[in-house]
Amino acid sequence: MKLPETICIGYQDIEVLETDFPENEQGVYLSDKPQIRIQQDLSPREYLNTVLHECLHAIFYVYGAKSLVKDEEEEEKLVNVLGNGLAEVFSRNPELVKWVAHHAGR
């Protein structure tokens, strides 16, 4: 299944692009575009984790949560924990993913 071209978070319709990063980056959220860029040759698990990670950065920006952390390093640590945790929950609980998808459409 292909990743959607747009992810809606709050007031933003965020364009999603697969790309090649020159460095070892796996993804980035750009609030000024708005855009999420994902490294295209990741394993399925890394891909899921990176998409969730960048969505969490977008949530921090869109919902004004950046003021809750002291700096970008603290945000990165928090987003890593939450992204890794969500990726693990989704990967290990496919029935939960189906349940969420079912209830999200209501």
Protein backbone atom coordinates (compact mmCIF):
# COMPACT_ATOMS: atom_id res chain seq x y z
CA MET A 1 0.00 0.00 0.00
CA LYS A 2 1.31 3.42 -0.98
CA LEU A 3 1.65 6.28 1.50
CA PRO A 4 -0.93 9.04 0.88
CA GLU A 5 0.25 12.13 -1.01
CA THR A 6 -1.31 14.33 1.69
CA ILE A 7 -1.74 13.92 5.44
CA CYS A 8 -4.21 16.25 7.16
CA ILE A 9 -3.13 17.38 10.62
CA GLY A 10 -5.15 20.16 12.21
CA TYR A 11 -5.38 23.09 9.80
CA GLN A 12 -2.56 21.81 7.59
CA ASP A 13 -2.76 19.60 4.53
CA ILE A 14 0.79 18.30 4.56
CA GLU A 15 2.32 17.11 1.30
CA VAL A 16 4.18 13.80 1.67
CA LEU A 17 7.17 13.06 -0.56
CA GLU A 18 9.54 10.15 -0.82
CA THR A 19 13.08 11.32 -1.45
CA ASP A 20 16.77 10.52 -1.16
CA PHE A 21 18.56 12.39 1.60
CA PRO A 22 22.23 13.21 1.07
CA GLU A 23 22.99 12.46 4.73
CA ASN A 24 21.77 9.64 6.98
CA GLU A 25 18.43 11.33 7.62
CA GLN A 26 15.27 9.25 7.42
CA GLY A 27 12.70 12.02 7.35
CA VAL A 28 11.90 15.65 7.98
CA TYR A 29 8.84 17.81 8.63
CA LEU A 30 8.97 21.28 7.09
CA SER A 31 6.37 23.55 8.67
CA ASP A 32 6.89 26.38 6.17
CA LYS A 33 5.99 24.25 3.12
CA PRO A 34 4.08 22.28 4.81
CA GLN A 35 5.72 19.02 3.84
CA ILE A 36 6.94 15.69 5.19
CA ARG A 37 9.84 14.08 3.34
CA ILE A 38 10.60 10.40 3.90
CA GLN A 39 13.70 8.46 2.81
CA GLN A 40 12.45 6.09 0.14
CA ASP A 41 14.57 2.98 0.72
CA LEU A 42 13.76 2.26 4.36
CA SER A 43 12.62 -1.12 5.64
CA PRO A 44 8.85 -1.34 6.24
CA ARG A 45 9.32 -1.01 10.02
CA GLU A 46 11.68 1.99 9.67
CA TYR A 47 9.28 3.56 7.17
CA LEU A 48 6.34 3.26 9.58
CA ASN A 49 8.41 4.63 12.43
CA THR A 50 9.67 7.58 10.37
CA VAL A 51 6.22 8.52 9.07
CA LEU A 52 4.81 8.47 12.61
CA HIS A 53 7.83 10.40 13.90
CA GLU A 54 7.41 13.18 11.35
CA CYS A 55 3.63 13.31 11.93
CA LEU A 56 4.36 13.84 15.63
CA HIS A 57 6.65 16.77 14.76
CA ALA A 58 3.79 18.20 12.68
CA ILE A 59 1.38 17.73 15.61
CA PHE A 60 3.82 19.58 17.88
CA TYR A 61 3.86 22.49 15.42
CA VAL A 62 0.19 22.58 14.41
CA TYR A 63 -1.24 22.26 17.93
CA GLY A 64 1.24 24.64 19.53
CA ALA A 65 2.99 22.06 21.71
CA LYS A 66 6.45 23.44 20.91
CA SER A 67 6.03 25.76 23.87
CA LEU A 68 5.81 22.70 26.16
CA VAL A 69 9.43 21.72 25.52
CA LYS A 70 12.52 23.81 26.23
CA ASP A 71 14.29 23.24 22.90
CA GLU A 72 14.46 21.15 19.73
CA GLU A 73 16.57 18.47 21.41
CA GLU A 74 13.89 17.89 24.04
CA GLU A 75 11.20 17.78 21.34
CA GLU A 76 13.26 15.24 19.38
CA LYS A 77 13.62 12.99 22.43
CA LEU A 78 9.90 13.12 23.15
CA VAL A 79 8.95 12.54 19.52
CA ASN A 80 11.38 9.58 19.37
CA VAL A 81 9.77 7.94 22.40
CA LEU A 82 6.24 8.49 21.15
CA GLY A 83 7.02 7.53 17.53
CA ASN A 84 8.90 4.38 18.52
CA GLY A 85 6.12 3.44 20.93
CA LEU A 86 3.34 3.95 18.40
CA ALA A 87 5.23 2.05 15.71
CA GLU A 88 5.68 -0.84 18.14
CA VAL A 89 2.00 -0.81 19.19
CA PHE A 90 0.83 -0.74 15.56
CA SER A 91 3.31 -3.42 14.43
CA ARG A 92 2.47 -5.84 17.22
CA ASN A 93 -1.29 -5.28 17.27
CA PRO A 94 -2.76 -5.51 13.76
CA GLU A 95 -6.27 -5.99 15.17
CA LEU A 96 -5.94 -2.65 16.97
CA VAL A 97 -4.93 -0.99 13.69
CA LYS A 98 -8.07 -2.41 12.03
CA TRP A 99 -10.17 -1.21 14.96
CA VAL A 100 -8.69 2.31 14.75
CA ALA A 101 -9.25 2.42 10.98
CA HIS A 102 -12.86 1.31 11.44
CA HIS A 103 -13.61 3.86 14.14
CA ALA A 104 -11.74 6.71 12.45
CA GLY A 105 -14.25 6.65 9.58
CA ARG A 106 -17.26 7.24 11.84
